[in-house]
Amino acid sequence: MMTQERTALQALIDAHREDYTSVSRLLGRNDAYIQQFIRRGTPRRLAEADRRKLARYFNVDESVLGGPAPLPPADLVRVPRLAVGASAGAGREVSGEHVTGTIAFPRPMLREMAAAGPDHLSIIRVEGESMEPLLHDGDEILVDRGDRADRLRDGIYVLRLEDRLMVKRIAIGPVHGRIAVVSDNDRYPSWPDIAVSSIDVIGRVVWVGRRLG
């Protein structure tokens, strides 16, 4: 007896007037691969990459082919993207924080990453090259504004210094109340010993996203 995902794949093949051989070749598999999967149950489940490719090809959700069910809307949190960049260079002046859109994150993922609730999260853009290779010009970073100076520890932070917004690495110094503000790219300046009180910590960077290519 065929499982639900095998029955669904057979129906999709029939509806699109495909055959086992053509679909197997679509996946870069041997000609009998899909026939063996549907008729003989080998392999027991589609590989994740194969399932994703088939779902895109047949324009269905992966769950139809045995993948995880999509998250219900209640489990997604839309985090605002702000029209402001944090310089990974010499710094930039802050002229406004207008919302330009949102990115949806699974709620459990945000619970693991962020110290505060969703209302304290925002996404901004990296500008400049001083944090390469970790952060690149144009990257989008998720900033936890609930994780600020009162919880300061080694890590990547967005901070304001003399009304200029920067993203830098912070390292806690051996003397209480002193820190290093570091550019990962050694072609750019760092501040090896400054007072915490001289900066305004906006929040901790907990995620980065970038376009490939």
N, C-alpha and C. Protein backbone atom coordinates (compact mmCIF):
# COMPACT_ATOMS: atom_id res chain seq x y z
N MET A 1 0.84 -1.21 0.00
CA MET A 1 0.00 0.00 0.00
C MET A 1 0.88 1.25 0.00
N MET A 2 0.56 2.18 -0.91
CA MET A 2 1.38 3.38 -1.01
C MET A 2 1.06 4.35 0.12
N THR A 3 2.11 5.03 0.59
CA THR A 3 1.91 6.06 1.60
C THR A 3 1.31 7.30 0.96
N GLN A 4 0.93 8.26 1.82
CA GLN A 4 0.27 9.47 1.32
C GLN A 4 1.17 10.25 0.37
N GLU A 5 2.48 10.37 0.73
CA GLU A 5 3.36 11.15 -0.14
C GLU A 5 3.62 10.45 -1.48
N ARG A 6 3.64 9.10 -1.48
CA ARG A 6 3.82 8.37 -2.73
C ARG A 6 2.58 8.51 -3.62
N THR A 7 1.42 8.43 -2.99
CA THR A 7 0.17 8.62 -3.74
C THR A 7 0.11 10.02 -4.33
N ALA A 8 0.52 11.03 -3.53
CA ALA A 8 0.50 12.41 -3.99
C ALA A 8 1.46 12.61 -5.16
N LEU A 9 2.66 12.03 -5.06
CA LEU A 9 3.64 12.18 -6.14
C LEU A 9 3.14 11.50 -7.41
N GLN A 10 2.54 10.34 -7.28
CA GLN A 10 1.98 9.65 -8.45
C GLN A 10 0.92 10.52 -9.11
N ALA A 11 0.05 11.13 -8.31
CA ALA A 11 -1.01 11.98 -8.85
C ALA A 11 -0.43 13.20 -9.57
N LEU A 12 0.64 13.78 -9.00
CA LEU A 12 1.27 14.94 -9.64
C LEU A 12 1.92 14.55 -10.96
N ILE A 13 2.56 13.40 -11.00
CA ILE A 13 3.18 12.92 -12.24
C ILE A 13 2.12 12.72 -13.31
N ASP A 14 1.01 12.11 -12.92
CA ASP A 14 -0.07 11.87 -13.88
C ASP A 14 -0.67 13.19 -14.36
N ALA A 15 -0.92 14.11 -13.43
CA ALA A 15 -1.57 15.37 -13.79
C ALA A 15 -0.70 16.21 -14.73
N HIS A 16 0.61 16.10 -14.57
CA HIS A 16 1.53 16.89 -15.40
C HIS A 16 2.02 16.10 -16.62
N ARG A 17 1.46 14.91 -16.81
CA ARG A 17 1.81 14.06 -17.95
C ARG A 17 3.31 13.80 -18.01
N GLU A 18 3.88 13.59 -16.86
CA GLU A 18 5.28 13.20 -16.75
C GLU A 18 5.35 11.69 -16.64
N ASP A 19 6.56 11.16 -16.53
CA ASP A 19 6.74 9.74 -16.28
C ASP A 19 7.86 9.55 -15.28
N TYR A 20 8.04 8.32 -14.80
CA TYR A 20 9.03 8.07 -13.77
C TYR A 20 10.44 8.47 -14.22
N THR A 21 10.74 8.16 -15.48
CA THR A 21 12.10 8.43 -15.98
C THR A 21 12.39 9.92 -16.00
N SER A 22 11.45 10.71 -16.54
CA SER A 22 11.70 12.15 -16.64
C SER A 22 11.85 12.80 -15.28
N VAL A 23 11.04 12.36 -14.29
CA VAL A 23 11.13 12.94 -12.96
C VAL A 23 12.41 12.50 -12.27
N SER A 24 12.83 11.26 -12.49
CA SER A 24 14.10 10.79 -11.93
C SER A 24 15.26 11.61 -12.47
N ARG A 25 15.23 11.89 -13.77
CA ARG A 25 16.30 12.67 -14.39
C ARG A 25 16.28 14.12 -13.90
N LEU A 26 15.08 14.65 -13.62
CA LEU A 26 14.97 15.99 -13.04
C LEU A 26 15.77 16.09 -11.75
N LEU A 27 15.79 15.00 -10.99
CA LEU A 27 16.52 14.98 -9.72
C LEU A 27 17.98 14.59 -9.88
N GLY A 28 18.38 14.25 -11.10
CA GLY A 28 19.75 13.80 -11.32
C GLY A 28 19.98 12.38 -10.81
N ARG A 29 18.90 11.62 -10.76
CA ARG A 29 18.97 10.23 -10.27
C ARG A 29 18.92 9.26 -11.44
N ASN A 30 19.14 7.97 -11.13
CA ASN A 30 19.02 6.96 -12.18
C ASN A 30 17.56 6.86 -12.63
N ASP A 31 17.35 6.34 -13.84
CA ASP A 31 16.03 6.38 -14.47
C ASP A 31 14.95 5.66 -13.66
N ALA A 32 15.33 4.69 -12.86
CA ALA A 32 14.34 3.90 -12.12
C ALA A 32 14.08 4.43 -10.71
N TYR A 33 14.71 5.54 -10.35
CA TYR A 33 14.67 5.99 -8.96
C TYR A 33 13.23 6.27 -8.48
N ILE A 34 12.49 7.06 -9.23
CA ILE A 34 11.14 7.43 -8.79
C ILE A 34 10.20 6.22 -8.83
N GLN A 35 10.36 5.37 -9.84
CA GLN A 35 9.53 4.16 -9.88
C GLN A 35 9.76 3.29 -8.65
N GLN A 36 11.02 3.16 -8.25
CA GLN A 36 11.34 2.36 -7.06
C GLN A 36 10.79 3.02 -5.80
N PHE A 37 10.85 4.36 -5.74
CA PHE A 37 10.32 5.05 -4.58
C PHE A 37 8.82 4.85 -4.46
N ILE A 38 8.10 5.01 -5.56
CA ILE A 38 6.64 4.92 -5.50
C ILE A 38 6.16 3.47 -5.41
N ARG A 39 6.72 2.61 -6.22
CA ARG A 39 6.20 1.24 -6.31
C ARG A 39 6.79 0.27 -5.29
N ARG A 40 8.03 0.48 -4.90
CA ARG A 40 8.70 -0.47 -4.02
C ARG A 40 9.00 0.10 -2.63
N GLY A 41 8.80 1.41 -2.47
CA GLY A 41 9.07 2.01 -1.16
C GLY A 41 10.53 2.19 -0.85
N THR A 42 11.37 2.30 -1.90
CA THR A 42 12.81 2.48 -1.73
C THR A 42 13.26 3.72 -2.50
N PRO A 43 13.82 4.73 -1.84
CA PRO A 43 14.05 4.81 -0.38
C PRO A 43 12.74 5.02 0.37
N ARG A 44 12.80 4.90 1.69
CA ARG A 44 11.59 5.04 2.50
C ARG A 44 11.05 6.46 2.44
N ARG A 45 11.94 7.44 2.39
CA ARG A 45 11.53 8.84 2.31
C ARG A 45 12.42 9.56 1.30
N LEU A 46 11.86 10.57 0.68
CA LEU A 46 12.64 11.39 -0.23
C LEU A 46 13.69 12.19 0.53
N ALA A 47 14.85 12.33 -0.07
CA ALA A 47 15.86 13.22 0.51
C ALA A 47 15.33 14.65 0.50
N GLU A 48 15.76 15.43 1.47
CA GLU A 48 15.24 16.79 1.61
C GLU A 48 15.43 17.61 0.34
N ALA A 49 16.62 17.50 -0.28
CA ALA A 49 16.90 18.27 -1.49
C ALA A 49 15.99 17.81 -2.64
N ASP A 50 15.74 16.50 -2.76
CA ASP A 50 14.86 15.98 -3.80
C ASP A 50 13.42 16.45 -3.58
N ARG A 51 12.99 16.39 -2.33
CA ARG A 51 11.63 16.81 -2.01
C ARG A 51 11.42 18.29 -2.34
N ARG A 52 12.42 19.10 -2.02
CA ARG A 52 12.31 20.54 -2.28
C ARG A 52 12.24 20.81 -3.78
N LYS A 53 13.08 20.10 -4.54
CA LYS A 53 13.09 20.30 -5.99
C LYS A 53 11.76 19.87 -6.62
N LEU A 54 11.22 18.75 -6.18
CA LEU A 54 9.95 18.28 -6.71
C LEU A 54 8.81 19.24 -6.35
N ALA A 55 8.83 19.75 -5.11
CA ALA A 55 7.78 20.67 -4.68
C ALA A 55 7.81 21.94 -5.53
N ARG A 56 9.00 22.44 -5.82
CA ARG A 56 9.11 23.63 -6.68
C ARG A 56 8.63 23.31 -8.10
N TYR A 57 9.02 22.15 -8.61
CA TYR A 57 8.68 21.79 -9.98
C TYR A 57 7.17 21.65 -10.16
N PHE A 58 6.54 20.97 -9.21
CA PHE A 58 5.09 20.73 -9.30
C PHE A 58 4.27 21.83 -8.64
N ASN A 59 4.96 22.84 -8.06
CA ASN A 59 4.30 24.00 -7.45
C ASN A 59 3.34 23.58 -6.33
N VAL A 60 3.86 22.77 -5.40
CA VAL A 60 3.10 22.36 -4.23
C VAL A 60 3.94 22.59 -2.98
N ASP A 61 3.29 22.58 -1.82
CA ASP A 61 4.03 22.68 -0.57
C ASP A 61 4.77 21.38 -0.30
N GLU A 62 5.94 21.48 0.31
CA GLU A 62 6.73 20.28 0.60
C GLU A 62 5.98 19.28 1.48
N SER A 63 5.05 19.76 2.29
CA SER A 63 4.31 18.86 3.16
C SER A 63 3.51 17.83 2.37
N VAL A 64 3.12 18.17 1.13
CA VAL A 64 2.39 17.23 0.27
C VAL A 64 3.24 16.01 -0.03
N LEU A 65 4.56 16.20 -0.07
CA LEU A 65 5.49 15.12 -0.42
C LEU A 65 6.21 14.57 0.80
N GLY A 66 5.63 14.77 1.97
CA GLY A 66 6.20 14.18 3.18
C GLY A 66 7.04 15.12 4.00
N GLY A 67 7.13 16.38 3.60
CA GLY A 67 7.89 17.35 4.38
C GLY A 67 7.11 17.85 5.57
N PRO A 68 7.74 18.67 6.41
CA PRO A 68 7.05 19.20 7.58
C PRO A 68 5.91 20.12 7.17
N ALA A 69 4.86 20.11 7.96
CA ALA A 69 3.73 20.99 7.69
C ALA A 69 4.15 22.44 7.87
N PRO A 70 3.63 23.35 7.06
CA PRO A 70 3.98 24.77 7.21
C PRO A 70 3.52 25.29 8.56
N LEU A 71 4.29 26.22 9.09
CA LEU A 71 3.93 26.81 10.38
C LEU A 71 2.64 27.62 10.26
N PRO A 72 1.75 27.48 11.21
CA PRO A 72 0.55 28.33 11.19
C PRO A 72 0.94 29.78 11.44
N PRO A 73 0.14 30.74 10.96
CA PRO A 73 0.50 32.15 11.12
C PRO A 73 0.79 32.55 12.56
N ALA A 74 0.14 31.90 13.53
CA ALA A 74 0.34 32.27 14.94
C ALA A 74 1.76 31.98 15.39
N ASP A 75 2.47 31.09 14.70
CA ASP A 75 3.83 30.73 15.08
C ASP A 75 4.88 31.54 14.33
N LEU A 76 4.46 32.52 13.54
CA LEU A 76 5.38 33.38 12.83
C LEU A 76 5.31 34.79 13.41
N VAL A 77 6.47 35.41 13.56
CA VAL A 77 6.54 36.79 14.06
C VAL A 77 7.15 37.65 12.96
N ARG A 78 6.47 38.72 12.62
CA ARG A 78 6.97 39.63 11.59
C ARG A 78 7.79 40.74 12.25
N VAL A 79 9.07 40.74 11.94
CA VAL A 79 9.99 41.72 12.51
C VAL A 79 10.18 42.87 11.52
N PRO A 80 10.05 44.11 11.98
CA PRO A 80 10.15 45.25 11.05
C PRO A 80 11.56 45.46 10.52
N ARG A 81 11.62 45.82 9.25
CA ARG A 81 12.88 46.25 8.63
C ARG A 81 12.88 47.77 8.63
N LEU A 82 13.95 48.34 9.17
CA LEU A 82 14.03 49.79 9.29
C LEU A 82 14.90 50.38 8.19
N ALA A 83 14.51 51.54 7.73
CA ALA A 83 15.26 52.23 6.68
C ALA A 83 16.43 52.97 7.29
N VAL A 84 17.32 52.22 7.88
CA VAL A 84 18.50 52.82 8.49
C VAL A 84 19.62 51.79 8.42
N GLY A 85 20.83 52.26 8.23
CA GLY A 85 21.97 51.36 8.16
C GLY A 85 22.91 51.60 9.31
N ALA A 86 23.51 50.52 9.81
CA ALA A 86 24.55 50.63 10.82
C ALA A 86 25.88 50.46 10.12
N SER A 87 26.71 51.47 10.20
CA SER A 87 27.94 51.46 9.43
C SER A 87 28.93 50.46 9.99
N ALA A 88 29.49 49.67 9.08
CA ALA A 88 30.65 48.84 9.41
C ALA A 88 31.86 49.53 8.80
N GLY A 89 31.93 50.83 9.05
CA GLY A 89 33.00 51.67 8.56
C GLY A 89 33.23 52.77 9.57
N ALA A 90 33.26 53.99 9.11
CA ALA A 90 33.53 55.11 10.01
C ALA A 90 32.30 55.55 10.79
N GLY A 91 31.14 55.05 10.42
CA GLY A 91 29.93 55.45 11.13
C GLY A 91 29.06 56.32 10.26
N ARG A 92 27.77 56.29 10.51
CA ARG A 92 26.87 57.14 9.74
C ARG A 92 25.90 57.84 10.68
N GLU A 93 25.45 58.99 10.24
CA GLU A 93 24.49 59.73 11.04
C GLU A 93 23.12 59.08 10.95
N VAL A 94 22.37 59.14 12.03
CA VAL A 94 21.04 58.56 12.07
C VAL A 94 20.04 59.64 11.67
N SER A 95 19.31 59.39 10.58
CA SER A 95 18.38 60.41 10.09
C SER A 95 16.93 60.00 10.24
N GLY A 96 16.67 58.75 10.65
CA GLY A 96 15.28 58.31 10.79
C GLY A 96 15.20 56.81 10.81
N GLU A 97 14.08 56.30 11.29
CA GLU A 97 13.92 54.86 11.39
C GLU A 97 12.53 54.49 10.86
N HIS A 98 12.34 54.64 9.57
CA HIS A 98 11.06 54.33 8.96
C HIS A 98 10.99 52.85 8.62
N VAL A 99 9.86 52.25 8.87
CA VAL A 99 9.67 50.82 8.56
C VAL A 99 9.43 50.67 7.07
N THR A 100 10.21 49.79 6.43
CA THR A 100 10.08 49.57 4.98
C THR A 100 9.48 48.21 4.66
N GLY A 101 9.27 47.37 5.63
CA GLY A 101 8.73 46.04 5.40
C GLY A 101 8.96 45.18 6.62
N THR A 102 8.76 43.89 6.47
CA THR A 102 8.97 42.95 7.56
C THR A 102 9.59 41.66 7.03
N ILE A 103 10.20 40.91 7.93
CA ILE A 103 10.64 39.54 7.65
C ILE A 103 10.03 38.65 8.73
N ALA A 104 9.43 37.54 8.31
CA ALA A 104 8.78 36.63 9.25
C ALA A 104 9.77 35.60 9.77
N PHE A 105 9.80 35.43 11.09
CA PHE A 105 10.64 34.44 11.74
C PHE A 105 9.75 33.49 12.54
N PRO A 106 10.11 32.20 12.61
CA PRO A 106 9.38 31.29 13.51
C PRO A 106 9.54 31.75 14.96
N ARG A 107 8.45 31.79 15.69
CA ARG A 107 8.49 32.25 17.08
C ARG A 107 9.48 31.44 17.93
N PRO A 108 9.52 30.09 17.80
CA PRO A 108 10.50 29.34 18.60
C PRO A 108 11.95 29.73 18.31
N MET A 109 12.23 30.07 17.05
CA MET A 109 13.58 30.51 16.68
C MET A 109 13.95 31.80 17.39
N LEU A 110 13.01 32.74 17.45
CA LEU A 110 13.29 34.01 18.12
C LEU A 110 13.46 33.82 19.63
N ARG A 111 12.72 32.89 20.20
CA ARG A 111 12.87 32.62 21.63
C ARG A 111 14.28 32.15 21.95
N GLU A 112 14.84 31.35 21.06
CA GLU A 112 16.20 30.83 21.27
C GLU A 112 17.25 31.91 21.08
N MET A 113 17.04 32.81 20.13
CA MET A 113 18.07 33.78 19.78
C MET A 113 18.05 35.03 20.64
N ALA A 114 16.85 35.50 20.97
CA ALA A 114 16.72 36.85 21.53
C ALA A 114 16.37 36.80 23.01
N ALA A 115 16.91 37.76 23.74
CA ALA A 115 16.65 37.83 25.18
C ALA A 115 15.30 38.45 25.48
N ALA A 116 14.87 39.35 24.61
CA ALA A 116 13.62 40.09 24.85
C ALA A 116 12.53 39.58 23.94
N GLY A 117 11.33 40.14 24.08
CA GLY A 117 10.21 39.75 23.25
C GLY A 117 10.29 40.36 21.86
N PRO A 118 9.37 39.95 20.97
CA PRO A 118 9.40 40.42 19.58
C PRO A 118 9.33 41.93 19.43
N ASP A 119 8.71 42.62 20.37
CA ASP A 119 8.59 44.07 20.27
C ASP A 119 9.92 44.79 20.36
N HIS A 120 10.96 44.08 20.81
CA HIS A 120 12.28 44.68 20.97
C HIS A 120 13.23 44.30 19.82
N LEU A 121 12.68 43.72 18.75
CA LEU A 121 13.51 43.27 17.64
C LEU A 121 13.30 44.15 16.42
N SER A 122 14.36 44.35 15.66
CA SER A 122 14.25 45.06 14.39
C SER A 122 15.39 44.62 13.49
N ILE A 123 15.22 44.87 12.20
CA ILE A 123 16.22 44.50 11.20
C ILE A 123 16.73 45.76 10.54
N ILE A 124 18.05 45.89 10.48
CA ILE A 124 18.65 47.03 9.81
C ILE A 124 19.74 46.51 8.86
N ARG A 125 20.30 47.40 8.10
CA ARG A 125 21.25 47.05 7.06
C ARG A 125 22.68 47.41 7.48
N VAL A 126 23.61 46.55 7.11
CA VAL A 126 25.04 46.84 7.34
C VAL A 126 25.56 47.67 6.18
N GLU A 127 26.29 48.72 6.51
CA GLU A 127 26.90 49.56 5.48
C GLU A 127 28.40 49.66 5.73
N GLY A 128 29.19 49.26 4.77
CA GLY A 128 30.64 49.33 4.91
C GLY A 128 31.26 47.96 5.08
N GLU A 129 32.59 47.93 5.21
CA GLU A 129 33.35 46.69 5.15
C GLU A 129 34.18 46.42 6.40
N SER A 130 34.03 47.22 7.44
CA SER A 130 34.95 47.08 8.57
C SER A 130 34.71 45.83 9.41
N MET A 131 33.57 45.15 9.22
CA MET A 131 33.32 43.92 9.97
C MET A 131 33.48 42.67 9.12
N GLU A 132 34.06 42.82 7.93
CA GLU A 132 34.37 41.64 7.13
C GLU A 132 35.50 40.85 7.78
N PRO A 133 35.48 39.52 7.71
CA PRO A 133 34.60 38.71 6.85
C PRO A 133 33.28 38.30 7.50
N LEU A 134 33.04 38.68 8.74
CA LEU A 134 31.81 38.25 9.41
C LEU A 134 30.57 38.90 8.80
N LEU A 135 30.60 40.22 8.65
CA LEU A 135 29.48 40.97 8.10
C LEU A 135 29.94 41.70 6.85
N HIS A 136 29.06 41.72 5.84
CA HIS A 136 29.39 42.36 4.57
C HIS A 136 28.46 43.54 4.32
N ASP A 137 28.93 44.45 3.49
CA ASP A 137 28.12 45.58 3.09
C ASP A 137 26.83 45.07 2.45
N GLY A 138 25.68 45.53 2.94
CA GLY A 138 24.39 45.10 2.42
C GLY A 138 23.73 43.99 3.20
N ASP A 139 24.45 43.34 4.12
CA ASP A 139 23.82 42.32 4.95
C ASP A 139 22.70 42.92 5.78
N GLU A 140 21.71 42.10 6.09
CA GLU A 140 20.66 42.51 7.01
C GLU A 140 20.89 41.81 8.35
N ILE A 141 20.80 42.57 9.43
CA ILE A 141 21.07 42.02 10.75
C ILE A 141 19.85 42.20 11.65
N LEU A 142 19.61 41.19 12.46
CA LEU A 142 18.52 41.23 13.44
C LEU A 142 19.10 41.73 14.75
N VAL A 143 18.54 42.82 15.25
CA VAL A 143 19.06 43.48 16.45
C VAL A 143 18.08 43.30 17.60
N ASP A 144 18.58 42.77 18.71
CA ASP A 144 17.78 42.59 19.92
C ASP A 144 18.00 43.81 20.81
N ARG A 145 17.07 44.75 20.78
CA ARG A 145 17.22 45.98 21.55
C ARG A 145 16.95 45.77 23.04
N GLY A 146 16.47 44.58 23.42
CA GLY A 146 16.31 44.25 24.83
C GLY A 146 17.59 43.72 25.45
N ASP A 147 18.63 43.57 24.64
CA ASP A 147 19.92 43.05 25.12
C ASP A 147 20.95 44.17 24.95
N ARG A 148 21.03 45.01 25.99
CA ARG A 148 21.80 46.24 25.84
C ARG A 148 22.91 46.32 26.89
N ALA A 149 23.21 47.54 27.32
CA ALA A 149 24.37 47.78 28.18
C ALA A 149 24.28 47.06 29.52
N ASP A 150 23.07 46.87 30.03
CA ASP A 150 22.95 46.23 31.34
C ASP A 150 23.29 44.74 31.30
N ARG A 151 23.36 44.16 30.08
CA ARG A 151 23.73 42.75 29.94
C ARG A 151 24.97 42.61 29.06
N LEU A 152 25.74 43.67 28.94
CA LEU A 152 26.84 43.73 27.98
C LEU A 152 27.85 42.60 28.21
N ARG A 153 28.24 41.94 27.12
CA ARG A 153 29.24 40.88 27.14
C ARG A 153 29.90 40.82 25.77
N ASP A 154 30.90 40.00 25.61
CA ASP A 154 31.58 39.90 24.32
C ASP A 154 30.57 39.55 23.22
N GLY A 155 30.63 40.23 22.10
CA GLY A 155 29.73 39.93 20.99
C GLY A 155 29.63 41.08 20.01
N ILE A 156 28.73 40.96 19.04
CA ILE A 156 28.52 41.97 18.01
C ILE A 156 27.33 42.83 18.42
N TYR A 157 27.52 44.14 18.40
CA TYR A 157 26.47 45.06 18.84
C TYR A 157 26.30 46.20 17.85
N VAL A 158 25.10 46.75 17.83
CA VAL A 158 24.87 48.04 17.18
C VAL A 158 24.95 49.08 18.28
N LEU A 159 25.72 50.12 18.04
CA LEU A 159 25.93 51.16 19.04
C LEU A 159 25.92 52.53 18.40
N ARG A 160 25.66 53.52 19.22
CA ARG A 160 25.67 54.90 18.75
C ARG A 160 26.78 55.64 19.48
N LEU A 161 27.60 56.31 18.70
CA LEU A 161 28.70 57.09 19.25
C LEU A 161 28.69 58.45 18.57
N GLU A 162 28.44 59.50 19.37
CA GLU A 162 28.35 60.87 18.84
C GLU A 162 27.34 60.93 17.69
N ASP A 163 26.17 60.33 17.91
CA ASP A 163 25.05 60.32 16.97
C ASP A 163 25.38 59.62 15.66
N ARG A 164 26.35 58.73 15.70
CA ARG A 164 26.66 57.90 14.54
C ARG A 164 26.41 56.44 14.90
N LEU A 165 25.70 55.76 14.01
CA LEU A 165 25.32 54.38 14.26
C LEU A 165 26.37 53.45 13.66
N MET A 166 26.82 52.49 14.46
CA MET A 166 27.86 51.57 14.03
C MET A 166 27.49 50.14 14.44
N VAL A 167 28.03 49.17 13.71
CA VAL A 167 27.99 47.79 14.15
C VAL A 167 29.43 47.35 14.35
N LYS A 168 29.74 46.92 15.57
CA LYS A 168 31.12 46.59 15.93
C LYS A 168 31.13 45.40 16.90
N ARG A 169 32.29 44.84 17.03
CA ARG A 169 32.50 43.81 18.04
C ARG A 169 32.89 44.48 19.35
N ILE A 170 32.25 44.07 20.43
CA ILE A 170 32.59 44.58 21.74
C ILE A 170 33.26 43.48 22.54
N ALA A 171 34.39 43.82 23.16
CA ALA A 171 35.09 42.90 24.05
C ALA A 171 35.22 43.56 25.42
N ILE A 172 34.80 42.85 26.44
CA ILE A 172 34.85 43.40 27.79
C ILE A 172 36.30 43.45 28.27
N GLY A 173 36.71 44.63 28.76
CA GLY A 173 38.09 44.79 29.21
C GLY A 173 38.31 44.27 30.62
N PRO A 174 39.57 44.17 31.05
CA PRO A 174 39.88 43.65 32.38
C PRO A 174 39.51 44.62 33.51
N VAL A 175 39.35 45.90 33.18
CA VAL A 175 38.98 46.90 34.18
C VAL A 175 37.48 47.16 34.09
N HIS A 176 36.81 47.15 35.22
CA HIS A 176 35.36 47.33 35.25
C HIS A 176 34.97 48.65 34.58
N GLY A 177 33.98 48.56 33.68
CA GLY A 177 33.49 49.75 33.01
C GLY A 177 34.26 50.14 31.76
N ARG A 178 35.26 49.33 31.39
CA ARG A 178 36.05 49.61 30.19
C ARG A 178 35.84 48.50 29.17
N ILE A 179 35.78 48.87 27.89
CA ILE A 179 35.58 47.89 26.83
C ILE A 179 36.47 48.21 25.65
N ALA A 180 36.59 47.24 24.73
CA ALA A 180 37.21 47.48 23.43
C ALA A 180 36.11 47.43 22.38
N VAL A 181 36.13 48.38 21.47
CA VAL A 181 35.22 48.40 20.32
C VAL A 181 36.07 48.08 19.10
N VAL A 182 35.78 46.93 18.48
CA VAL A 182 36.72 46.34 17.52
C VAL A 182 36.11 46.23 16.13
N SER A 183 36.89 46.59 15.12
CA SER A 183 36.56 46.31 13.73
C SER A 183 37.25 44.99 13.36
N ASP A 184 36.49 44.01 12.85
CA ASP A 184 37.10 42.73 12.47
C ASP A 184 38.07 42.87 11.32
N ASN A 185 37.81 43.80 10.43
CA ASN A 185 38.70 44.07 9.31
C ASN A 185 39.82 44.99 9.79
N ASP A 186 41.07 44.49 9.80
CA ASP A 186 42.16 45.26 10.41
C ASP A 186 42.56 46.48 9.58
N ARG A 187 41.91 46.70 8.44
CA ARG A 187 42.17 47.92 7.68
C ARG A 187 41.38 49.10 8.23
N TYR A 188 40.54 48.83 9.22
CA TYR A 188 39.71 49.88 9.81
C TYR A 188 40.07 50.04 11.28
N PRO A 189 39.82 51.22 11.84
CA PRO A 189 40.24 51.48 13.22
C PRO A 189 39.40 50.74 14.25
N SER A 190 40.02 50.49 15.39
CA SER A 190 39.35 49.96 16.58
C SER A 190 39.66 50.89 17.73
N TRP A 191 38.88 50.75 18.81
CA TRP A 191 39.09 51.55 20.01
C TRP A 191 39.35 50.57 21.16
N PRO A 192 40.62 50.35 21.51
CA PRO A 192 40.96 49.25 22.40
C PRO A 192 40.60 49.44 23.86
N ASP A 193 40.35 50.67 24.29
CA ASP A 193 40.10 50.88 25.73
C ASP A 193 39.28 52.14 25.92
N ILE A 194 37.94 51.99 25.98
CA ILE A 194 37.08 53.15 26.19
C ILE A 194 36.07 52.82 27.28
N ALA A 195 35.47 53.85 27.82
CA ALA A 195 34.47 53.66 28.87
C ALA A 195 33.13 53.26 28.26
N VAL A 196 32.46 52.33 28.91
CA VAL A 196 31.13 51.93 28.46
C VAL A 196 30.20 53.13 28.39
N SER A 197 30.36 54.05 29.30
CA SER A 197 29.48 55.23 29.36
C SER A 197 29.65 56.15 28.15
N SER A 198 30.71 55.96 27.37
CA SER A 198 30.94 56.84 26.22
C SER A 198 30.16 56.41 24.98
N ILE A 199 29.51 55.25 25.05
CA ILE A 199 28.73 54.78 23.91
C ILE A 199 27.28 54.52 24.34
N ASP A 200 26.40 54.52 23.36
CA ASP A 200 25.00 54.15 23.60
C ASP A 200 24.77 52.82 22.90
N VAL A 201 24.61 51.77 23.68
CA VAL A 201 24.41 50.44 23.11
C VAL A 201 22.95 50.31 22.67
N ILE A 202 22.74 50.10 21.37
CA ILE A 202 21.38 49.97 20.84
C ILE A 202 20.85 48.55 21.04
N GLY A 203 21.68 47.57 20.78
CA GLY A 203 21.24 46.19 20.94
C GLY A 203 22.27 45.21 20.39
N ARG A 204 22.06 43.96 20.71
CA ARG A 204 22.96 42.90 20.30
C ARG A 204 22.51 42.31 18.96
N VAL A 205 23.45 42.03 18.08
CA VAL A 205 23.16 41.40 16.79
C VAL A 205 23.06 39.88 17.01
N VAL A 206 21.91 39.31 16.65
CA VAL A 206 21.68 37.89 16.93
C VAL A 206 21.49 37.06 15.67
N TRP A 207 21.42 37.70 14.50
CA TRP A 207 21.19 36.96 13.24
C TRP A 207 21.64 37.83 12.10
N VAL A 208 22.13 37.19 11.04
CA VAL A 208 22.51 37.92 9.83
C VAL A 208 21.97 37.17 8.62
N GLY A 209 21.49 37.94 7.65
CA GLY A 209 21.03 37.36 6.39
C GLY A 209 21.66 38.12 5.25
N ARG A 210 21.99 37.37 4.17
CA ARG A 210 22.59 38.03 3.02
C ARG A 210 22.17 37.35 1.74
N ARG A 211 22.24 38.11 0.68
CA ARG A 211 21.98 37.59 -0.66
C ARG A 211 23.26 36.96 -1.19
N LEU A 212 23.16 35.77 -1.75
CA LEU A 212 24.31 35.09 -2.32
C LEU A 212 24.43 35.44 -3.80
N GLY A 213 25.67 35.64 -4.23
CA GLY A 213 25.89 35.92 -5.64
C GLY A 213 25.74 37.39 -5.97
